[in-house]
Amino acid sequence: MNSDRIEGSMEDFAGRAQEGMGDLTGDREQKARGVVRQIAGRAQHAYGDARDYAQHAYDDARHYAQDAGERVGRVVEHQPLTSLLVVGILGYILGLLTPRR
């Protein structure tokens, strides 16, 4: 949980309280400001959710890439000639697929 989610929730709560006070006192402007605060708080909370999701996705991708790199390293270490042959074939195919000038 990040600060945007916490602050957004607090702003939403404050907006609800402000809207309630506007209802109690009959102050339409106060009520409208409370609704605006709620919307702003919910938007900030949603932004915090998106930040958390992006951070988790980044962390997962980084770990996946590290694991894949380690696996490739182990294969190359145990089968260096086969690995060299595979890389050579891939380079040759890439050369065939690349347009010439």
PDB file of N, CA and C in Angstrom:
ATOM      1  N   MET A   1       0.854  -1.169   0.000  1.00  0.00           N
ATOM      2  CA  MET A   1       0.000   0.000   0.000  1.00  0.00           C
ATOM      3  C   MET A   1       0.905   1.238   0.000  1.00  0.00           C
ATOM      4  N   ASN A   2       0.596   2.188  -0.869  1.00  0.00           N
ATOM      5  CA  ASN A   2       1.427   3.387  -0.950  1.00  0.00           C
ATOM      6  C   ASN A   2       0.669   4.607  -0.418  1.00  0.00           C
ATOM      7  N   SER A   3       1.368   5.717  -0.333  1.00  0.00           N
ATOM      8  CA  SER A   3       0.793   6.926   0.263  1.00  0.00           C
ATOM      9  C   SER A   3      -0.394   7.459  -0.538  1.00  0.00           C
ATOM     10  N   ASP A   4      -0.411   7.256  -1.849  1.00  0.00           N
ATOM     11  CA  ASP A   4      -1.538   7.748  -2.647  1.00  0.00           C
ATOM     12  C   ASP A   4      -2.831   7.024  -2.276  1.00  0.00           C
ATOM     13  N   ARG A   5      -2.737   5.743  -2.021  1.00  0.00           N
ATOM     14  CA  ARG A   5      -3.933   4.996  -1.628  1.00  0.00           C
ATOM     15  C   ARG A   5      -4.434   5.459  -0.263  1.00  0.00           C
ATOM     16  N   ILE A   6      -3.512   5.678   0.664  1.00  0.00           N
ATOM     17  CA  ILE A   6      -3.891   6.115   2.012  1.00  0.00           C
ATOM     18  C   ILE A   6      -4.486   7.521   1.966  1.00  0.00           C
ATOM     19  N   GLU A   7      -3.780   8.443   1.309  1.00  0.00           N
ATOM     20  CA  GLU A   7      -4.266   9.825   1.225  1.00  0.00           C
ATOM     21  C   GLU A   7      -5.587   9.897   0.470  1.00  0.00           C
ATOM     22  N   GLY A   8      -5.726   9.087  -0.579  1.00  0.00           N
ATOM     23  CA  GLY A   8      -6.976   9.073  -1.330  1.00  0.00           C
ATOM     24  C   GLY A   8      -8.140   8.602  -0.486  1.00  0.00           C
ATOM     25  N   SER A   9      -7.918   7.578   0.316  1.00  0.00           N
ATOM     26  CA  SER A   9      -8.973   7.079   1.206  1.00  0.00           C
ATOM     27  C   SER A   9      -9.346   8.127   2.248  1.00  0.00           C
ATOM     28  N   MET A  10      -8.335   8.817   2.788  1.00  0.00           N
ATOM     29  CA  MET A  10      -8.607   9.861   3.779  1.00  0.00           C
ATOM     30  C   MET A  10      -9.386  11.018   3.151  1.00  0.00           C
ATOM     31  N   GLU A  11      -9.018  11.387   1.938  1.00  0.00           N
ATOM     32  CA  GLU A  11      -9.716  12.483   1.250  1.00  0.00           C
ATOM     33  C   GLU A  11     -11.160  12.092   0.943  1.00  0.00           C
ATOM     34  N   ASP A  12     -11.369  10.851   0.533  1.00  0.00           N
ATOM     35  CA  ASP A  12     -12.724  10.349   0.277  1.00  0.00           C
ATOM     36  C   ASP A  12     -13.549  10.415   1.562  1.00  0.00           C
ATOM     37  N   PHE A  13     -12.972   9.959   2.663  1.00  0.00           N
ATOM     38  CA  PHE A  13     -13.667   9.991   3.953  1.00  0.00           C
ATOM     39  C   PHE A  13     -14.000  11.429   4.359  1.00  0.00           C
ATOM     40  N   ALA A  14     -13.030  12.331   4.208  1.00  0.00           N
ATOM     41  CA  ALA A  14     -13.260  13.737   4.555  1.00  0.00           C
ATOM     42  C   ALA A  14     -14.355  14.336   3.676  1.00  0.00           C
ATOM     43  N   GLY A  15     -14.366  13.944   2.408  1.00  0.00           N
ATOM     44  CA  GLY A  15     -15.406  14.431   1.506  1.00  0.00           C
ATOM     45  C   GLY A  15     -16.786  13.941   1.905  1.00  0.00           C
ATOM     46  N   ARG A  16     -16.854  12.700   2.367  1.00  0.00           N
ATOM     47  CA  ARG A  16     -18.148  12.170   2.839  1.00  0.00           C
ATOM     48  C   ARG A  16     -18.629  12.951   4.064  1.00  0.00           C
ATOM     49  N   ALA A  17     -17.687  13.229   4.969  1.00  0.00           N
ATOM     50  CA  ALA A  17     -18.045  13.998   6.160  1.00  0.00           C
ATOM     51  C   ALA A  17     -18.508  15.399   5.770  1.00  0.00           C
ATOM     52  N   GLN A  18     -17.795  16.013   4.844  1.00  0.00           N
ATOM     53  CA  GLN A  18     -18.154  17.360   4.405  1.00  0.00           C
ATOM     54  C   GLN A  18     -19.514  17.352   3.712  1.00  0.00           C
ATOM     55  N   GLU A  19     -19.758  16.348   2.894  1.00  0.00           N
ATOM     56  CA  GLU A  19     -21.064  16.237   2.236  1.00  0.00           C
ATOM     57  C   GLU A  19     -22.165  16.060   3.284  1.00  0.00           C
ATOM     58  N   GLY A  20     -21.893  15.233   4.289  1.00  0.00           N
ATOM     59  CA  GLY A  20     -22.874  15.025   5.362  1.00  0.00           C
ATOM     60  C   GLY A  20     -23.173  16.305   6.118  1.00  0.00           C
ATOM     61  N   MET A  21     -22.140  17.097   6.392  1.00  0.00           N
ATOM     62  CA  MET A  21     -22.351  18.383   7.067  1.00  0.00           C
ATOM     63  C   MET A  21     -23.175  19.319   6.194  1.00  0.00           C
ATOM     64  N   GLY A  22     -22.912  19.280   4.901  1.00  0.00           N
ATOM     65  CA  GLY A  22     -23.700  20.103   3.986  1.00  0.00           C
ATOM     66  C   GLY A  22     -25.162  19.690   3.984  1.00  0.00           C
ATOM     67  N   ASP A  23     -25.402  18.380   4.057  1.00  0.00           N
ATOM     68  CA  ASP A  23     -26.775  17.876   4.145  1.00  0.00           C
ATOM     69  C   ASP A  23     -27.440  18.350   5.438  1.00  0.00           C
ATOM     70  N   LEU A  24     -26.708  18.223   6.539  1.00  0.00           N
ATOM     71  CA  LEU A  24     -27.258  18.592   7.846  1.00  0.00           C
ATOM     72  C   LEU A  24     -27.606  20.068   7.924  1.00  0.00           C
ATOM     73  N   THR A  25     -26.713  20.896   7.409  1.00  0.00           N
ATOM     74  CA  THR A  25     -26.910  22.344   7.516  1.00  0.00           C
ATOM     75  C   THR A  25     -27.700  22.924   6.348  1.00  0.00           C
ATOM     76  N   GLY A  26     -27.917  22.119   5.318  1.00  0.00           N
ATOM     77  CA  GLY A  26     -28.626  22.615   4.142  1.00  0.00           C
ATOM     78  C   GLY A  26     -27.750  23.473   3.242  1.00  0.00           C
ATOM     79  N   ASP A  27     -26.463  23.408   3.442  1.00  0.00           N
ATOM     80  CA  ASP A  27     -25.514  24.197   2.659  1.00  0.00           C
ATOM     81  C   ASP A  27     -25.139  23.416   1.396  1.00  0.00           C
ATOM     82  N   ARG A  28     -25.719  23.824   0.270  1.00  0.00           N
ATOM     83  CA  ARG A  28     -25.494  23.102  -0.993  1.00  0.00           C
ATOM     84  C   ARG A  28     -24.045  23.201  -1.462  1.00  0.00           C
ATOM     85  N   GLU A  29     -23.432  24.357  -1.231  1.00  0.00           N
ATOM     86  CA  GLU A  29     -22.045  24.543  -1.651  1.00  0.00           C
ATOM     87  C   GLU A  29     -21.115  23.612  -0.861  1.00  0.00           C
ATOM     88  N   GLN A  30     -21.356  23.517   0.439  1.00  0.00           N
ATOM     89  CA  GLN A  30     -20.570  22.614   1.291  1.00  0.00           C
ATOM     90  C   GLN A  30     -20.746  21.169   0.817  1.00  0.00           C
ATOM     91  N   LYS A  31     -21.966  20.800   0.511  1.00  0.00           N
ATOM     92  CA  LYS A  31     -22.255  19.446   0.036  1.00  0.00           C
ATOM     93  C   LYS A  31     -21.525  19.181  -1.281  1.00  0.00           C
ATOM     94  N   ALA A  32     -21.564  20.143  -2.191  1.00  0.00           N
ATOM     95  CA  ALA A  32     -20.898  19.987  -3.491  1.00  0.00           C
ATOM     96  C   ALA A  32     -19.386  19.859  -3.313  1.00  0.00           C
ATOM     97  N   ARG A  33     -18.807  20.673  -2.414  1.00  0.00           N
ATOM     98  CA  ARG A  33     -17.371  20.554  -2.158  1.00  0.00           C
ATOM     99  C   ARG A  33     -17.021  19.182  -1.583  1.00  0.00           C
ATOM    100  N   GLY A  34     -17.915  18.646  -0.774  1.00  0.00           N
ATOM    101  CA  GLY A  34     -17.695  17.310  -0.225  1.00  0.00           C
ATOM    102  C   GLY A  34     -17.694  16.248  -1.307  1.00  0.00           C
ATOM    103  N   VAL A  35     -18.605  16.372  -2.256  1.00  0.00           N
ATOM    104  CA  VAL A  35     -18.662  15.415  -3.368  1.00  0.00           C
ATOM    105  C   VAL A  35     -17.390  15.514  -4.209  1.00  0.00           C
ATOM    106  N   VAL A  36     -16.935  16.743  -4.454  1.00  0.00           N
ATOM    107  CA  VAL A  36     -15.703  16.943  -5.228  1.00  0.00           C
ATOM    108  C   VAL A  36     -14.515  16.307  -4.498  1.00  0.00           C
ATOM    109  N   ARG A  37     -14.450  16.475  -3.184  1.00  0.00           N
ATOM    110  CA  ARG A  37     -13.356  15.853  -2.407  1.00  0.00           C
ATOM    111  C   ARG A  37     -13.413  14.331  -2.499  1.00  0.00           C
ATOM    112  N   GLN A  38     -14.622  13.784  -2.474  1.00  0.00           N
ATOM    113  CA  GLN A  38     -14.764  12.333  -2.593  1.00  0.00           C
ATOM    114  C   GLN A  38     -14.232  11.850  -3.935  1.00  0.00           C
ATOM    115  N   ILE A  39     -14.598  12.556  -4.989  1.00  0.00           N
ATOM    116  CA  ILE A  39     -14.145  12.175  -6.332  1.00  0.00           C
ATOM    117  C   ILE A  39     -12.624  12.271  -6.421  1.00  0.00           C
ATOM    118  N   ALA A  40     -12.071  13.360  -5.884  1.00  0.00           N
ATOM    119  CA  ALA A  40     -10.614  13.521  -5.903  1.00  0.00           C
ATOM    120  C   ALA A  40      -9.940  12.415  -5.091  1.00  0.00           C
ATOM    121  N   GLY A  41     -10.506  12.078  -3.956  1.00  0.00           N
ATOM    122  CA  GLY A  41      -9.945  11.020  -3.126  1.00  0.00           C
ATOM    123  C   GLY A  41      -9.992   9.669  -3.809  1.00  0.00           C
ATOM    124  N   ARG A  42     -11.105   9.385  -4.459  1.00  0.00           N
ATOM    125  CA  ARG A  42     -11.218   8.106  -5.172  1.00  0.00           C
ATOM    126  C   ARG A  42     -10.251   8.044  -6.351  1.00  0.00           C
ATOM    127  N   ALA A  43     -10.075   9.181  -7.028  1.00  0.00           N
ATOM    128  CA  ALA A  43      -9.124   9.216  -8.147  1.00  0.00           C
ATOM    129  C   ALA A  43      -7.701   8.989  -7.639  1.00  0.00           C
ATOM    130  N   GLN A  44      -7.352   9.615  -6.524  1.00  0.00           N
ATOM    131  CA  GLN A  44      -6.011   9.430  -5.966  1.00  0.00           C
ATOM    132  C   GLN A  44      -5.821   7.984  -5.507  1.00  0.00           C
ATOM    133  N   HIS A  45      -6.849   7.394  -4.923  1.00  0.00           N
ATOM    134  CA  HIS A  45      -6.774   5.993  -4.491  1.00  0.00           C
ATOM    135  C   HIS A  45      -6.589   5.084  -5.707  1.00  0.00           C
ATOM    136  N   ALA A  46      -7.320   5.355  -6.783  1.00  0.00           N
ATOM    137  CA  ALA A  46      -7.184   4.550  -8.009  1.00  0.00           C
ATOM    138  C   ALA A  46      -5.779   4.693  -8.594  1.00  0.00           C
ATOM    139  N   TYR A  47      -5.233   5.903  -8.547  1.00  0.00           N
ATOM    140  CA  TYR A  47      -3.858   6.120  -9.006  1.00  0.00           C
ATOM    141  C   TYR A  47      -2.884   5.293  -8.169  1.00  0.00           C
ATOM    142  N   GLY A  48      -3.105   5.265  -6.870  1.00  0.00           N
ATOM    143  CA  GLY A  48      -2.268   4.453  -5.987  1.00  0.00           C
ATOM    144  C   GLY A  48      -2.373   2.972  -6.311  1.00  0.00           C
ATOM    145  N   ASP A  49      -3.593   2.509  -6.613  1.00  0.00           N
ATOM    146  CA  ASP A  49      -3.778   1.111  -7.030  1.00  0.00           C
ATOM    147  C   ASP A  49      -2.979   0.818  -8.293  1.00  0.00           C
ATOM    148  N   ALA A  50      -3.058   1.737  -9.258  1.00  0.00           N
ATOM    149  CA  ALA A  50      -2.344   1.546 -10.525  1.00  0.00           C
ATOM    150  C   ALA A  50      -0.831   1.524 -10.296  1.00  0.00           C
ATOM    151  N   ARG A  51      -0.348   2.399  -9.423  1.00  0.00           N
ATOM    152  CA  ARG A  51       1.090   2.402  -9.097  1.00  0.00           C
ATOM    153  C   ARG A  51       1.520   1.083  -8.469  1.00  0.00           C
ATOM    154  N   ASP A  52       0.714   0.585  -7.542  1.00  0.00           N
ATOM    155  CA  ASP A  52       1.031  -0.698  -6.903  1.00  0.00           C
ATOM    156  C   ASP A  52       1.047  -1.822  -7.927  1.00  0.00           C
ATOM    157  N   TYR A  53       0.046  -1.835  -8.809  1.00  0.00           N
ATOM    158  CA  TYR A  53      -0.033  -2.880  -9.829  1.00  0.00           C
ATOM    159  C   TYR A  53       1.184  -2.819 -10.755  1.00  0.00           C
ATOM    160  N   ALA A  54       1.544  -1.612 -11.177  1.00  0.00           N
ATOM    161  CA  ALA A  54       2.698  -1.458 -12.072  1.00  0.00           C
ATOM    162  C   ALA A  54       3.987  -1.895 -11.381  1.00  0.00           C
ATOM    163  N   GLN A  55       4.127  -1.572 -10.105  1.00  0.00           N
ATOM    164  CA  GLN A  55       5.325  -1.973  -9.363  1.00  0.00           C
ATOM    165  C   GLN A  55       5.408  -3.491  -9.246  1.00  0.00           C
ATOM    166  N   HIS A  56       4.278  -4.133  -8.960  1.00  0.00           N
ATOM    167  CA  HIS A  56       4.269  -5.598  -8.866  1.00  0.00           C
ATOM    168  C   HIS A  56       4.582  -6.231 -10.220  1.00  0.00           C
ATOM    169  N   ALA A  57       4.018  -5.682 -11.285  1.00  0.00           N
ATOM    170  CA  ALA A  57       4.282  -6.220 -12.625  1.00  0.00           C
ATOM    171  C   ALA A  57       5.761  -6.064 -12.977  1.00  0.00           C
ATOM    172  N   TYR A  58       6.341  -4.919 -12.643  1.00  0.00           N
ATOM    173  CA  TYR A  58       7.766  -4.687 -12.895  1.00  0.00           C
ATOM    174  C   TYR A  58       8.623  -5.682 -12.111  1.00  0.00           C
ATOM    175  N   ASP A  59       8.297  -5.861 -10.839  1.00  0.00           N
ATOM    176  CA  ASP A  59       9.061  -6.801 -10.007  1.00  0.00           C
ATOM    177  C   ASP A  59       8.969  -8.223 -10.552  1.00  0.00           C
ATOM    178  N   ASP A  60       7.759  -8.631 -10.948  1.00  0.00           N
ATOM    179  CA  ASP A  60       7.578  -9.975 -11.506  1.00  0.00           C
ATOM    180  C   ASP A  60       8.382 -10.150 -12.786  1.00  0.00           C
ATOM    181  N   ALA A  61       8.343  -9.154 -13.667  1.00  0.00           N
ATOM    182  CA  ALA A  61       9.076  -9.239 -14.936  1.00  0.00           C
ATOM    183  C   ALA A  61      10.582  -9.289 -14.691  1.00  0.00           C
ATOM    184  N   ARG A  62      11.048  -8.507 -13.734  1.00  0.00           N
ATOM    185  CA  ARG A  62      12.477  -8.493 -13.414  1.00  0.00           C
ATOM    186  C   ARG A  62      12.924  -9.858 -12.895  1.00  0.00           C
ATOM    187  N   HIS A  63      12.131 -10.448 -12.009  1.00  0.00           N
ATOM    188  CA  HIS A  63      12.479 -11.772 -11.479  1.00  0.00           C
ATOM    189  C   HIS A  63      12.438 -12.833 -12.574  1.00  0.00           C
ATOM    190  N   TYR A  64      11.447 -12.733 -13.450  1.00  0.00           N
ATOM    191  CA  TYR A  64      11.336 -13.688 -14.548  1.00  0.00           C
ATOM    192  C   TYR A  64      12.557 -13.582 -15.466  1.00  0.00           C
ATOM    193  N   ALA A  65      12.967 -12.364 -15.774  1.00  0.00           N
ATOM    194  CA  ALA A  65      14.130 -12.166 -16.647  1.00  0.00           C
ATOM    195  C   ALA A  65      15.410 -12.678 -15.978  1.00  0.00           C
ATOM    196  N   GLN A  66      15.547 -12.437 -14.689  1.00  0.00           N
ATOM    197  CA  GLN A  66      16.726 -12.939 -13.977  1.00  0.00           C
ATOM    198  C   GLN A  66      16.758 -14.468 -13.989  1.00  0.00           C
ATOM    199  N   ASP A  67      15.611 -15.093 -13.734  1.00  0.00           N
ATOM    200  CA  ASP A  67      15.542 -16.560 -13.753  1.00  0.00           C
ATOM    201  C   ASP A  67      15.877 -17.106 -15.129  1.00  0.00           C
ATOM    202  N   ALA A  68      15.323 -16.469 -16.161  1.00  0.00           N
ATOM    203  CA  ALA A  68      15.595 -16.924 -17.528  1.00  0.00           C
ATOM    204  C   ALA A  68      17.081 -16.780 -17.850  1.00  0.00           C
ATOM    205  N   GLY A  69      17.682 -15.682 -17.449  1.00  0.00           N
ATOM    206  CA  GLY A  69      19.111 -15.479 -17.687  1.00  0.00           C
ATOM    207  C   GLY A  69      19.962 -16.521 -16.981  1.00  0.00           C
ATOM    208  N   GLU A  70      19.583 -16.848 -15.759  1.00  0.00           N
ATOM    209  CA  GLU A  70      20.326 -17.877 -15.020  1.00  0.00           C
ATOM    210  C   GLU A  70      20.189 -19.246 -15.690  1.00  0.00           C
ATOM    211  N   ARG A  71      18.985 -19.555 -16.173  1.00  0.00           N
ATOM    212  CA  ARG A  71      18.774 -20.837 -16.859  1.00  0.00           C
ATOM    213  C   ARG A  71      19.614 -20.922 -18.128  1.00  0.00           C
ATOM    214  N   VAL A  72      19.609 -19.839 -18.901  1.00  0.00           N
ATOM    215  CA  VAL A  72      20.409 -19.817 -20.130  1.00  0.00           C
ATOM    216  C   VAL A  72      21.886 -19.975 -19.782  1.00  0.00           C
ATOM    217  N   GLY A  73      22.324 -19.305 -18.735  1.00  0.00           N
ATOM    218  CA  GLY A  73      23.717 -19.420 -18.310  1.00  0.00           C
ATOM    219  C   GLY A  73      24.090 -20.851 -17.942  1.00  0.00           C
ATOM    220  N   ARG A  74      23.186 -21.548 -17.267  1.00  0.00           N
ATOM    221  CA  ARG A  74      23.458 -22.946 -16.904  1.00  0.00           C
ATOM    222  C   ARG A  74      23.530 -23.840 -18.134  1.00  0.00           C
ATOM    223  N   VAL A  75      22.625 -23.602 -19.096  1.00  0.00           N
ATOM    224  CA  VAL A  75      22.641 -24.408 -20.325  1.00  0.00           C
ATOM    225  C   VAL A  75      23.944 -24.173 -21.080  1.00  0.00           C
ATOM    226  N   VAL A  76      24.339 -22.909 -21.213  1.00  0.00           N
ATOM    227  CA  VAL A  76      25.579 -22.584 -21.929  1.00  0.00           C
ATOM    228  C   VAL A  76      26.777 -23.207 -21.209  1.00  0.00           C
ATOM    229  N   GLU A  77      26.761 -23.172 -19.901  1.00  0.00           N
ATOM    230  CA  GLU A  77      27.866 -23.739 -19.124  1.00  0.00           C
ATOM    231  C   GLU A  77      27.970 -25.257 -19.312  1.00  0.00           C
ATOM    232  N   HIS A  78      26.822 -25.936 -19.372  1.00  0.00           N
ATOM    233  CA  HIS A  78      26.829 -27.393 -19.494  1.00  0.00           C
ATOM    234  C   HIS A  78      26.946 -27.876 -20.939  1.00  0.00           C
ATOM    235  N   GLN A  79      26.496 -27.062 -21.889  1.00  0.00           N
ATOM    236  CA  GLN A  79      26.534 -27.462 -23.304  1.00  0.00           C
ATOM    237  C   GLN A  79      27.034 -26.304 -24.165  1.00  0.00           C
ATOM    238  N   PRO A  80      28.292 -25.943 -24.049  1.00  0.00           N
ATOM    239  CA  PRO A  80      28.792 -24.761 -24.755  1.00  0.00           C
ATOM    240  C   PRO A  80      28.776 -24.913 -26.276  1.00  0.00           C
ATOM    241  N   LEU A  81      29.110 -26.082 -26.799  1.00  0.00           N
ATOM    242  CA  LEU A  81      29.137 -26.247 -28.256  1.00  0.00           C
ATOM    243  C   LEU A  81      27.736 -26.197 -28.847  1.00  0.00           C
ATOM    244  N   THR A  82      26.797 -26.858 -28.203  1.00  0.00           N
ATOM    245  CA  THR A  82      25.407 -26.813 -28.680  1.00  0.00           C
ATOM    246  C   THR A  82      24.885 -25.381 -28.638  1.00  0.00           C
ATOM    247  N   SER A  83      25.198 -24.665 -27.576  1.00  0.00           N
ATOM    248  CA  SER A  83      24.754 -23.276 -27.450  1.00  0.00           C
ATOM    249  C   SER A  83      25.347 -22.411 -28.553  1.00  0.00           C
ATOM    250  N   LEU A  84      26.608 -22.611 -28.846  1.00  0.00           N
ATOM    251  CA  LEU A  84      27.270 -21.861 -29.912  1.00  0.00           C
ATOM    252  C   LEU A  84      26.631 -22.164 -31.259  1.00  0.00           C
ATOM    253  N   LEU A  85      26.301 -23.424 -31.499  1.00  0.00           N
ATOM    254  CA  LEU A  85      25.646 -23.819 -32.746  1.00  0.00           C
ATOM    255  C   LEU A  85      24.270 -23.164 -32.870  1.00  0.00           C
ATOM    256  N   VAL A  86      23.496 -23.174 -31.790  1.00  0.00           N
ATOM    257  CA  VAL A  86      22.158 -22.558 -31.807  1.00  0.00           C
ATOM    258  C   VAL A  86      22.269 -21.062 -32.089  1.00  0.00           C
ATOM    259  N   VAL A  87      23.196 -20.383 -31.438  1.00  0.00           N
ATOM    260  CA  VAL A  87      23.371 -18.942 -31.657  1.00  0.00           C
ATOM    261  C   VAL A  87      23.806 -18.673 -33.096  1.00  0.00           C
ATOM    262  N   GLY A  88      24.674 -19.506 -33.627  1.00  0.00           N
ATOM    263  CA  GLY A  88      25.107 -19.348 -35.016  1.00  0.00           C
ATOM    264  C   GLY A  88      23.960 -19.514 -35.993  1.00  0.00           C
ATOM    265  N   ILE A  89      23.128 -20.522 -35.769  1.00  0.00           N
ATOM    266  CA  ILE A  89      21.966 -20.749 -36.649  1.00  0.00           C
ATOM    267  C   ILE A  89      20.995 -19.576 -36.549  1.00  0.00           C
ATOM    268  N   LEU A  90      20.736 -19.114 -35.341  1.00  0.00           N
ATOM    269  CA  LEU A  90      19.836 -17.966 -35.176  1.00  0.00           C
ATOM    270  C   LEU A  90      20.395 -16.722 -35.864  1.00  0.00           C
ATOM    271  N   GLY A  91      21.685 -16.505 -35.772  1.00  0.00           N
ATOM    272  CA  GLY A  91      22.310 -15.372 -36.457  1.00  0.00           C
ATOM    273  C   GLY A  91      22.193 -15.486 -37.964  1.00  0.00           C
ATOM    274  N   TYR A  92      22.379 -16.691 -38.472  1.00  0.00           N
ATOM    275  CA  TYR A  92      22.258 -16.925 -39.912  1.00  0.00           C
ATOM    276  C   TYR A  92      20.825 -16.646 -40.379  1.00  0.00           C
ATOM    277  N   ILE A  93      19.837 -17.159 -39.650  1.00  0.00           N
ATOM    278  CA  ILE A  93      18.423 -16.934 -40.004  1.00  0.00           C
ATOM    279  C   ILE A  93      18.093 -15.450 -39.934  1.00  0.00           C
ATOM    280  N   LEU A  94      18.572 -14.780 -38.912  1.00  0.00           N
ATOM    281  CA  LEU A  94      18.335 -13.343 -38.788  1.00  0.00           C
ATOM    282  C   LEU A  94      18.954 -12.587 -39.956  1.00  0.00           C
ATOM    283  N   GLY A  95      20.126 -13.023 -40.382  1.00  0.00           N
ATOM    284  CA  GLY A  95      20.769 -12.414 -41.544  1.00  0.00           C
ATOM    285  C   GLY A  95      19.959 -12.611 -42.814  1.00  0.00           C
ATOM    286  N   LEU A  96      19.333 -13.773 -42.970  1.00  0.00           N
ATOM    287  CA  LEU A  96      18.490 -14.019 -44.144  1.00  0.00           C
ATOM    288  C   LEU A  96      17.226 -13.166 -44.120  1.00  0.00           C
ATOM    289  N   LEU A  97      16.704 -12.930 -42.938  1.00  0.00           N
ATOM    290  CA  LEU A  97      15.456 -12.168 -42.817  1.00  0.00           C
ATOM    291  C   LEU A  97      15.661 -10.658 -42.889  1.00  0.00           C
ATOM    292  N   THR A  98      16.871 -10.203 -42.676  1.00  0.00           N
ATOM    293  CA  THR A  98      17.162  -8.773 -42.693  1.00  0.00           C
ATOM    294  C   THR A  98      17.324  -8.305 -44.139  1.00  0.00           C
ATOM    295  N   PRO A  99      16.608  -7.233 -44.518  1.00  0.00           N
ATOM    296  CA  PRO A  99      16.728  -6.752 -45.902  1.00  0.00           C
ATOM    297  C   PRO A  99      18.119  -6.191 -46.180  1.00  0.00           C
ATOM    298  N   ARG A 100      18.568  -6.430 -47.390  1.00  0.00           N
ATOM    299  CA  ARG A 100      19.878  -5.916 -47.805  1.00  0.00           C
ATOM    300  C   ARG A 100      19.698  -4.553 -48.467  1.00  0.00           C
ATOM    301  N   ARG A 101      20.752  -3.763 -48.475  1.00  0.00           N
ATOM    302  CA  ARG A 101      20.662  -2.412 -49.062  1.00  0.00           C
ATOM    303  C   ARG A 101      20.944  -2.455 -50.519  1.00  0.00           C
TER     304      ARG A 101
END
